mmCIF file of all heavy atoms, coordinates in Angstrom:
data_MODEL
# 
_entry.id   MODEL 
# 
loop_
_atom_site.group_PDB 
_atom_site.id 
_atom_site.type_symbol 
_atom_site.label_atom_id 
_atom_site.label_alt_id 
_atom_site.label_comp_id 
_atom_site.label_asym_id 
_atom_site.label_entity_id 
_atom_site.label_seq_id 
_atom_site.pdbx_PDB_ins_code 
_atom_site.Cartn_x 
_atom_site.Cartn_y 
_atom_site.Cartn_z 
_atom_site.occupancy 
_atom_site.B_iso_or_equiv 
_atom_site.pdbx_formal_charge 
_atom_site.auth_seq_id 
_atom_site.auth_comp_id 
_atom_site.auth_asym_id 
_atom_site.auth_atom_id 
_atom_site.pdbx_PDB_model_num 
ATOM 1   N N   . ILE A 1 1  ? 65.785 17.944 -130.931 1.00 0.00 ? 1  ILE A N   1 
ATOM 2   C CA  . ILE A 1 1  ? 64.550 18.623 -130.453 1.00 0.00 ? 1  ILE A CA  1 
ATOM 3   C C   . ILE A 1 1  ? 63.383 17.580 -130.437 1.00 0.00 ? 1  ILE A C   1 
ATOM 4   O O   . ILE A 1 1  ? 62.585 17.552 -129.488 1.00 0.00 ? 1  ILE A O   1 
ATOM 5   C CB  . ILE A 1 1  ? 64.289 19.826 -131.179 1.00 0.00 ? 1  ILE A CB  1 
ATOM 6   C CG1 . ILE A 1 1  ? 65.388 20.910 -130.961 1.00 0.00 ? 1  ILE A CG1 1 
ATOM 7   C CG2 . ILE A 1 1  ? 62.953 20.320 -130.833 1.00 0.00 ? 1  ILE A CG2 1 
ATOM 8   C CD1 . ILE A 1 1  ? 65.267 22.068 -131.741 1.00 0.00 ? 1  ILE A CD1 1 
ATOM 9   N N   . ALA A 1 2  ? 63.357 16.709 -131.473 1.00 0.00 ? 2  ALA A N   1 
ATOM 10  C CA  . ALA A 1 2  ? 62.282 15.691 -131.560 1.00 0.00 ? 2  ALA A CA  1 
ATOM 11  C C   . ALA A 1 2  ? 62.481 14.685 -130.454 1.00 0.00 ? 2  ALA A C   1 
ATOM 12  O O   . ALA A 1 2  ? 61.553 14.173 -129.906 1.00 0.00 ? 2  ALA A O   1 
ATOM 13  C CB  . ALA A 1 2  ? 62.368 14.994 -132.970 1.00 0.00 ? 2  ALA A CB  1 
ATOM 14  N N   . ALA A 1 3  ? 63.674 14.484 -130.050 1.00 0.00 ? 3  ALA A N   1 
ATOM 15  C CA  . ALA A 1 3  ? 63.986 13.568 -128.927 1.00 0.00 ? 3  ALA A CA  1 
ATOM 16  C C   . ALA A 1 3  ? 63.847 14.127 -127.595 1.00 0.00 ? 3  ALA A C   1 
ATOM 17  O O   . ALA A 1 3  ? 64.104 13.477 -126.656 1.00 0.00 ? 3  ALA A O   1 
ATOM 18  C CB  . ALA A 1 3  ? 65.424 12.914 -129.057 1.00 0.00 ? 3  ALA A CB  1 
ATOM 19  N N   . GLY A 1 4  ? 63.382 15.414 -127.599 1.00 0.00 ? 4  GLY A N   1 
ATOM 20  C CA  . GLY A 1 4  ? 63.183 16.169 -126.227 1.00 0.00 ? 4  GLY A CA  1 
ATOM 21  C C   . GLY A 1 4  ? 64.435 16.827 -125.743 1.00 0.00 ? 4  GLY A C   1 
ATOM 22  O O   . GLY A 1 4  ? 64.327 17.281 -124.572 1.00 0.00 ? 4  GLY A O   1 
ATOM 23  N N   . THR A 1 5  ? 65.390 17.011 -126.557 1.00 0.00 ? 5  THR A N   1 
ATOM 24  C CA  . THR A 1 5  ? 66.610 17.633 -126.155 1.00 0.00 ? 5  THR A CA  1 
ATOM 25  C C   . THR A 1 5  ? 66.678 19.091 -126.621 1.00 0.00 ? 5  THR A C   1 
ATOM 26  O O   . THR A 1 5  ? 66.638 19.225 -127.879 1.00 0.00 ? 5  THR A O   1 
ATOM 27  C CB  . THR A 1 5  ? 67.824 16.881 -126.525 1.00 0.00 ? 5  THR A CB  1 
ATOM 28  O OG1 . THR A 1 5  ? 67.820 15.605 -125.914 1.00 0.00 ? 5  THR A OG1 1 
ATOM 29  C CG2 . THR A 1 5  ? 69.162 17.581 -125.997 1.00 0.00 ? 5  THR A CG2 1 
ATOM 30  N N   . PRO A 1 6  ? 66.822 20.095 -125.854 1.00 0.00 ? 6  PRO A N   1 
ATOM 31  C CA  . PRO A 1 6  ? 66.968 21.444 -126.454 1.00 0.00 ? 6  PRO A CA  1 
ATOM 32  C C   . PRO A 1 6  ? 68.219 21.566 -127.197 1.00 0.00 ? 6  PRO A C   1 
ATOM 33  O O   . PRO A 1 6  ? 69.308 20.808 -127.056 1.00 0.00 ? 6  PRO A O   1 
ATOM 34  C CB  . PRO A 1 6  ? 66.983 22.337 -125.194 1.00 0.00 ? 6  PRO A CB  1 
ATOM 35  C CG  . PRO A 1 6  ? 67.402 21.447 -124.143 1.00 0.00 ? 6  PRO A CG  1 
ATOM 36  C CD  . PRO A 1 6  ? 66.951 20.101 -124.363 1.00 0.00 ? 6  PRO A CD  1 
ATOM 37  N N   . ALA A 1 7  ? 68.336 22.511 -128.268 1.00 0.00 ? 7  ALA A N   1 
ATOM 38  C CA  . ALA A 1 7  ? 69.467 22.805 -129.081 1.00 0.00 ? 7  ALA A CA  1 
ATOM 39  C C   . ALA A 1 7  ? 69.741 24.183 -129.004 1.00 0.00 ? 7  ALA A C   1 
ATOM 40  O O   . ALA A 1 7  ? 68.844 25.026 -128.897 1.00 0.00 ? 7  ALA A O   1 
ATOM 41  C CB  . ALA A 1 7  ? 69.254 22.123 -130.480 1.00 0.00 ? 7  ALA A CB  1 
ATOM 42  N N   . VAL A 1 8  ? 70.966 24.555 -129.398 1.00 0.00 ? 8  VAL A N   1 
ATOM 43  C CA  . VAL A 1 8  ? 71.417 25.952 -129.701 1.00 0.00 ? 8  VAL A CA  1 
ATOM 44  C C   . VAL A 1 8  ? 72.340 25.801 -130.942 1.00 0.00 ? 8  VAL A C   1 
ATOM 45  O O   . VAL A 1 8  ? 73.150 24.902 -130.977 1.00 0.00 ? 8  VAL A O   1 
ATOM 46  C CB  . VAL A 1 8  ? 72.152 26.588 -128.504 1.00 0.00 ? 8  VAL A CB  1 
ATOM 47  C CG1 . VAL A 1 8  ? 73.432 25.769 -128.057 1.00 0.00 ? 8  VAL A CG1 1 
ATOM 48  C CG2 . VAL A 1 8  ? 72.594 28.039 -128.904 1.00 0.00 ? 8  VAL A CG2 1 
ATOM 49  N N   . CYS A 1 9  ? 72.053 26.685 -131.930 1.00 0.00 ? 9  CYS A N   1 
ATOM 50  C CA  . CYS A 1 9  ? 72.662 26.576 -133.163 1.00 0.00 ? 9  CYS A CA  1 
ATOM 51  C C   . CYS A 1 9  ? 73.162 27.849 -133.735 1.00 0.00 ? 9  CYS A C   1 
ATOM 52  O O   . CYS A 1 9  ? 72.837 28.934 -133.239 1.00 0.00 ? 9  CYS A O   1 
ATOM 53  C CB  . CYS A 1 9  ? 71.678 26.004 -134.210 1.00 0.00 ? 9  CYS A CB  1 
ATOM 54  S SG  . CYS A 1 9  ? 70.851 24.518 -133.693 1.00 0.00 ? 9  CYS A SG  1 
ATOM 55  N N   . GLY A 1 10 ? 74.068 27.792 -134.810 1.00 0.00 ? 10 GLY A N   1 
ATOM 56  C CA  . GLY A 1 10 ? 74.403 28.962 -135.461 1.00 0.00 ? 10 GLY A CA  1 
ATOM 57  C C   . GLY A 1 10 ? 73.144 29.525 -136.173 1.00 0.00 ? 10 GLY A C   1 
ATOM 58  O O   . GLY A 1 10 ? 72.335 28.877 -136.665 1.00 0.00 ? 10 GLY A O   1 
ATOM 59  N N   . GLY A 1 11 ? 73.124 30.920 -136.178 1.00 0.00 ? 11 GLY A N   1 
ATOM 60  C CA  . GLY A 1 11 ? 71.927 31.531 -136.755 1.00 0.00 ? 11 GLY A CA  1 
ATOM 61  C C   . GLY A 1 11 ? 72.070 31.973 -138.225 1.00 0.00 ? 11 GLY A C   1 
ATOM 62  O O   . GLY A 1 11 ? 71.907 33.113 -138.481 1.00 0.00 ? 11 GLY A O   1 
ATOM 63  N N   . ASN A 1 12 ? 72.244 30.918 -139.120 1.00 0.00 ? 12 ASN A N   1 
ATOM 64  C CA  . ASN A 1 12 ? 72.505 31.258 -140.420 1.00 0.00 ? 12 ASN A CA  1 
ATOM 65  C C   . ASN A 1 12 ? 72.098 30.241 -141.365 1.00 0.00 ? 12 ASN A C   1 
ATOM 66  O O   . ASN A 1 12 ? 71.566 29.218 -140.987 1.00 0.00 ? 12 ASN A O   1 
ATOM 67  C CB  . ASN A 1 12 ? 74.067 31.529 -140.601 1.00 0.00 ? 12 ASN A CB  1 
ATOM 68  C CG  . ASN A 1 12 ? 74.832 30.328 -139.976 1.00 0.00 ? 12 ASN A CG  1 
ATOM 69  O OD1 . ASN A 1 12 ? 74.566 29.302 -140.344 1.00 0.00 ? 12 ASN A OD1 1 
ATOM 70  N ND2 . ASN A 1 12 ? 75.791 30.689 -139.019 1.00 0.00 ? 12 ASN A ND2 1 
ATOM 71  N N   . THR A 1 13 ? 72.107 30.474 -142.690 1.00 0.00 ? 13 THR A N   1 
ATOM 72  C CA  . THR A 1 13 ? 71.909 29.546 -143.778 1.00 0.00 ? 13 THR A CA  1 
ATOM 73  C C   . THR A 1 13 ? 70.671 28.735 -143.553 1.00 0.00 ? 13 THR A C   1 
ATOM 74  O O   . THR A 1 13 ? 69.630 29.342 -142.988 1.00 0.00 ? 13 THR A O   1 
ATOM 75  C CB  . THR A 1 13 ? 73.076 28.663 -144.029 1.00 0.00 ? 13 THR A CB  1 
ATOM 76  O OG1 . THR A 1 13 ? 73.493 27.904 -142.830 1.00 0.00 ? 13 THR A OG1 1 
ATOM 77  C CG2 . THR A 1 13 ? 74.323 29.482 -144.452 1.00 0.00 ? 13 THR A CG2 1 
ATOM 78  N N   . ALA A 1 14 ? 70.662 27.405 -143.692 1.00 0.00 ? 14 ALA A N   1 
ATOM 79  C CA  . ALA A 1 14 ? 69.478 26.718 -143.534 1.00 0.00 ? 14 ALA A CA  1 
ATOM 80  C C   . ALA A 1 14 ? 69.043 26.466 -142.039 1.00 0.00 ? 14 ALA A C   1 
ATOM 81  O O   . ALA A 1 14 ? 67.941 26.170 -141.789 1.00 0.00 ? 14 ALA A O   1 
ATOM 82  C CB  . ALA A 1 14 ? 69.536 25.354 -144.222 1.00 0.00 ? 14 ALA A CB  1 
ATOM 83  N N   . LEU A 1 15 ? 70.007 26.645 -141.135 1.00 0.00 ? 15 LEU A N   1 
ATOM 84  C CA  . LEU A 1 15 ? 69.660 26.586 -139.769 1.00 0.00 ? 15 LEU A CA  1 
ATOM 85  C C   . LEU A 1 15 ? 68.680 27.608 -139.477 1.00 0.00 ? 15 LEU A C   1 
ATOM 86  O O   . LEU A 1 15 ? 67.624 27.377 -138.619 1.00 0.00 ? 15 LEU A O   1 
ATOM 87  C CB  . LEU A 1 15 ? 70.946 26.695 -138.900 1.00 0.00 ? 15 LEU A CB  1 
ATOM 88  C CG  . LEU A 1 15 ? 72.010 25.552 -138.946 1.00 0.00 ? 15 LEU A CG  1 
ATOM 89  C CD1 . LEU A 1 15 ? 73.232 25.816 -138.262 1.00 0.00 ? 15 LEU A CD1 1 
ATOM 90  C CD2 . LEU A 1 15 ? 71.347 24.188 -138.585 1.00 0.00 ? 15 LEU A CD2 1 
ATOM 91  N N   . LYS A 1 16 ? 68.849 28.866 -139.863 1.00 0.00 ? 16 LYS A N   1 
ATOM 92  C CA  . LYS A 1 16 ? 67.948 29.904 -139.659 1.00 0.00 ? 16 LYS A CA  1 
ATOM 93  C C   . LYS A 1 16 ? 66.598 29.633 -140.277 1.00 0.00 ? 16 LYS A C   1 
ATOM 94  O O   . LYS A 1 16 ? 65.588 29.883 -139.658 1.00 0.00 ? 16 LYS A O   1 
ATOM 95  C CB  . LYS A 1 16 ? 68.506 31.227 -140.043 1.00 0.00 ? 16 LYS A CB  1 
ATOM 96  C CG  . LYS A 1 16 ? 67.701 32.489 -139.698 1.00 0.00 ? 16 LYS A CG  1 
ATOM 97  C CD  . LYS A 1 16 ? 68.439 33.736 -140.010 1.00 0.00 ? 16 LYS A CD  1 
ATOM 98  C CE  . LYS A 1 16 ? 67.667 34.914 -139.455 1.00 0.00 ? 16 LYS A CE  1 
ATOM 99  N NZ  . LYS A 1 16 ? 68.417 36.248 -139.510 1.00 0.00 ? 16 LYS A NZ  1 
ATOM 100 N N   . GLU A 1 17 ? 66.700 29.164 -141.431 1.00 0.00 ? 17 GLU A N   1 
ATOM 101 C CA  . GLU A 1 17 ? 65.381 28.773 -142.180 1.00 0.00 ? 17 GLU A CA  1 
ATOM 102 C C   . GLU A 1 17 ? 64.600 27.803 -141.517 1.00 0.00 ? 17 GLU A C   1 
ATOM 103 O O   . GLU A 1 17 ? 63.345 27.966 -141.415 1.00 0.00 ? 17 GLU A O   1 
ATOM 104 C CB  . GLU A 1 17 ? 65.796 28.263 -143.569 1.00 0.00 ? 17 GLU A CB  1 
ATOM 105 C CG  . GLU A 1 17 ? 64.560 27.813 -144.375 1.00 0.00 ? 17 GLU A CG  1 
ATOM 106 C CD  . GLU A 1 17 ? 65.049 27.200 -145.748 1.00 0.00 ? 17 GLU A CD  1 
ATOM 107 O OE1 . GLU A 1 17 ? 65.975 27.617 -146.356 1.00 0.00 ? 17 GLU A OE1 1 
ATOM 108 O OE2 . GLU A 1 17 ? 64.240 26.260 -146.252 1.00 0.00 ? 17 GLU A OE2 1 
ATOM 109 N N   . ASN A 1 18 ? 65.111 26.803 -140.833 1.00 0.00 ? 18 ASN A N   1 
ATOM 110 C CA  . ASN A 1 18 ? 64.450 25.712 -140.247 1.00 0.00 ? 18 ASN A CA  1 
ATOM 111 C C   . ASN A 1 18 ? 64.125 26.018 -138.804 1.00 0.00 ? 18 ASN A C   1 
ATOM 112 O O   . ASN A 1 18 ? 63.049 25.636 -138.276 1.00 0.00 ? 18 ASN A O   1 
ATOM 113 C CB  . ASN A 1 18 ? 65.156 24.477 -140.330 1.00 0.00 ? 18 ASN A CB  1 
ATOM 114 C CG  . ASN A 1 18 ? 65.263 23.838 -141.754 1.00 0.00 ? 18 ASN A CG  1 
ATOM 115 O OD1 . ASN A 1 18 ? 64.234 24.033 -142.436 1.00 0.00 ? 18 ASN A OD1 1 
ATOM 116 N ND2 . ASN A 1 18 ? 66.357 23.172 -142.131 1.00 0.00 ? 18 ASN A ND2 1 
ATOM 117 N N   . LEU A 1 19 ? 65.034 26.699 -138.008 1.00 0.00 ? 19 LEU A N   1 
ATOM 118 C CA  . LEU A 1 19 ? 64.979 26.744 -136.612 1.00 0.00 ? 19 LEU A CA  1 
ATOM 119 C C   . LEU A 1 19 ? 64.711 28.079 -136.014 1.00 0.00 ? 19 LEU A C   1 
ATOM 120 O O   . LEU A 1 19 ? 64.640 28.197 -134.769 1.00 0.00 ? 19 LEU A O   1 
ATOM 121 C CB  . LEU A 1 19 ? 66.240 26.144 -136.089 1.00 0.00 ? 19 LEU A CB  1 
ATOM 122 C CG  . LEU A 1 19 ? 66.414 24.707 -136.378 1.00 0.00 ? 19 LEU A CG  1 
ATOM 123 C CD1 . LEU A 1 19 ? 67.895 24.327 -136.125 1.00 0.00 ? 19 LEU A CD1 1 
ATOM 124 C CD2 . LEU A 1 19 ? 65.455 23.840 -135.529 1.00 0.00 ? 19 LEU A CD2 1 
ATOM 125 N N   . GLU A 1 20 ? 64.567 29.184 -136.816 1.00 0.00 ? 20 GLU A N   1 
ATOM 126 C CA  . GLU A 1 20 ? 64.376 30.528 -136.258 1.00 0.00 ? 20 GLU A CA  1 
ATOM 127 C C   . GLU A 1 20 ? 63.063 30.513 -135.446 1.00 0.00 ? 20 GLU A C   1 
ATOM 128 O O   . GLU A 1 20 ? 62.028 30.044 -135.902 1.00 0.00 ? 20 GLU A O   1 
ATOM 129 C CB  . GLU A 1 20 ? 64.335 31.566 -137.314 1.00 0.00 ? 20 GLU A CB  1 
ATOM 130 C CG  . GLU A 1 20 ? 64.271 33.000 -136.792 1.00 0.00 ? 20 GLU A CG  1 
ATOM 131 C CD  . GLU A 1 20 ? 64.463 34.014 -137.894 1.00 0.00 ? 20 GLU A CD  1 
ATOM 132 O OE1 . GLU A 1 20 ? 64.037 33.742 -139.096 1.00 0.00 ? 20 GLU A OE1 1 
ATOM 133 O OE2 . GLU A 1 20 ? 65.012 35.220 -137.644 1.00 0.00 ? 20 GLU A OE2 1 
ATOM 134 N N   . GLY A 1 21 ? 63.090 30.966 -134.178 1.00 0.00 ? 21 GLY A N   1 
ATOM 135 C CA  . GLY A 1 21 ? 61.936 30.961 -133.325 1.00 0.00 ? 21 GLY A CA  1 
ATOM 136 C C   . GLY A 1 21 ? 61.781 29.733 -132.593 1.00 0.00 ? 21 GLY A C   1 
ATOM 137 O O   . GLY A 1 21 ? 60.823 29.703 -131.710 1.00 0.00 ? 21 GLY A O   1 
ATOM 138 N N   . ILE A 1 22 ? 62.458 28.716 -132.950 1.00 0.00 ? 22 ILE A N   1 
ATOM 139 C CA  . ILE A 1 22 ? 62.234 27.350 -132.312 1.00 0.00 ? 22 ILE A CA  1 
ATOM 140 C C   . ILE A 1 22 ? 63.244 27.204 -131.119 1.00 0.00 ? 22 ILE A C   1 
ATOM 141 O O   . ILE A 1 22 ? 62.992 26.760 -130.022 1.00 0.00 ? 22 ILE A O   1 
ATOM 142 C CB  . ILE A 1 22 ? 62.434 26.224 -133.264 1.00 0.00 ? 22 ILE A CB  1 
ATOM 143 C CG1 . ILE A 1 22 ? 61.269 26.349 -134.277 1.00 0.00 ? 22 ILE A CG1 1 
ATOM 144 C CG2 . ILE A 1 22 ? 62.369 24.910 -132.605 1.00 0.00 ? 22 ILE A CG2 1 
ATOM 145 C CD1 . ILE A 1 22 ? 61.240 25.284 -135.296 1.00 0.00 ? 22 ILE A CD1 1 
ATOM 146 N N   . CYS A 1 23 ? 64.503 27.547 -131.363 1.00 0.00 ? 23 CYS A N   1 
ATOM 147 C CA  . CYS A 1 23 ? 65.600 27.327 -130.383 1.00 0.00 ? 23 CYS A CA  1 
ATOM 148 C C   . CYS A 1 23 ? 66.558 28.577 -130.487 1.00 0.00 ? 23 CYS A C   1 
ATOM 149 O O   . CYS A 1 23 ? 66.534 29.296 -131.474 1.00 0.00 ? 23 CYS A O   1 
ATOM 150 C CB  . CYS A 1 23 ? 66.324 26.090 -130.582 1.00 0.00 ? 23 CYS A CB  1 
ATOM 151 S SG  . CYS A 1 23 ? 67.423 25.929 -132.009 1.00 0.00 ? 23 CYS A SG  1 
ATOM 152 N N   . PRO A 1 24 ? 67.413 28.790 -129.510 1.00 0.00 ? 24 PRO A N   1 
ATOM 153 C CA  . PRO A 1 24 ? 68.367 29.908 -129.527 1.00 0.00 ? 24 PRO A CA  1 
ATOM 154 C C   . PRO A 1 24 ? 69.258 29.772 -130.799 1.00 0.00 ? 24 PRO A C   1 
ATOM 155 O O   . PRO A 1 24 ? 69.803 28.663 -131.090 1.00 0.00 ? 24 PRO A O   1 
ATOM 156 C CB  . PRO A 1 24 ? 69.132 29.704 -128.236 1.00 0.00 ? 24 PRO A CB  1 
ATOM 157 C CG  . PRO A 1 24 ? 68.176 28.910 -127.278 1.00 0.00 ? 24 PRO A CG  1 
ATOM 158 C CD  . PRO A 1 24 ? 67.503 28.006 -128.176 1.00 0.00 ? 24 PRO A CD  1 
ATOM 159 N N   . LEU A 1 25 ? 69.538 30.873 -131.424 1.00 0.00 ? 25 LEU A N   1 
ATOM 160 C CA  . LEU A 1 25 ? 70.469 30.887 -132.591 1.00 0.00 ? 25 LEU A CA  1 
ATOM 161 C C   . LEU A 1 25 ? 71.427 32.007 -132.299 1.00 0.00 ? 25 LEU A C   1 
ATOM 162 O O   . LEU A 1 25 ? 71.064 33.062 -131.933 1.00 0.00 ? 25 LEU A O   1 
ATOM 163 C CB  . LEU A 1 25 ? 69.715 31.243 -133.857 1.00 0.00 ? 25 LEU A CB  1 
ATOM 164 C CG  . LEU A 1 25 ? 68.640 30.182 -134.264 1.00 0.00 ? 25 LEU A CG  1 
ATOM 165 C CD1 . LEU A 1 25 ? 67.866 30.772 -135.549 1.00 0.00 ? 25 LEU A CD1 1 
ATOM 166 C CD2 . LEU A 1 25 ? 69.164 28.839 -134.454 1.00 0.00 ? 25 LEU A CD2 1 
ATOM 167 N N   . ALA A 1 26 ? 72.712 31.678 -132.628 1.00 0.00 ? 26 ALA A N   1 
ATOM 168 C CA  . ALA A 1 26 ? 73.836 32.618 -132.513 1.00 0.00 ? 26 ALA A CA  1 
ATOM 169 C C   . ALA A 1 26 ? 74.188 33.350 -133.692 1.00 0.00 ? 26 ALA A C   1 
ATOM 170 O O   . ALA A 1 26 ? 74.464 32.633 -134.761 1.00 0.00 ? 26 ALA A O   1 
ATOM 171 C CB  . ALA A 1 26 ? 75.058 31.839 -131.853 1.00 0.00 ? 26 ALA A CB  1 
# 
């Protein structure tokens, strides 16, 4: 995301902590 590329991630553990509301989470 810092490099300008969108991401989609699992919506759990630290991924949710860091990325909730930033990119799509499954």
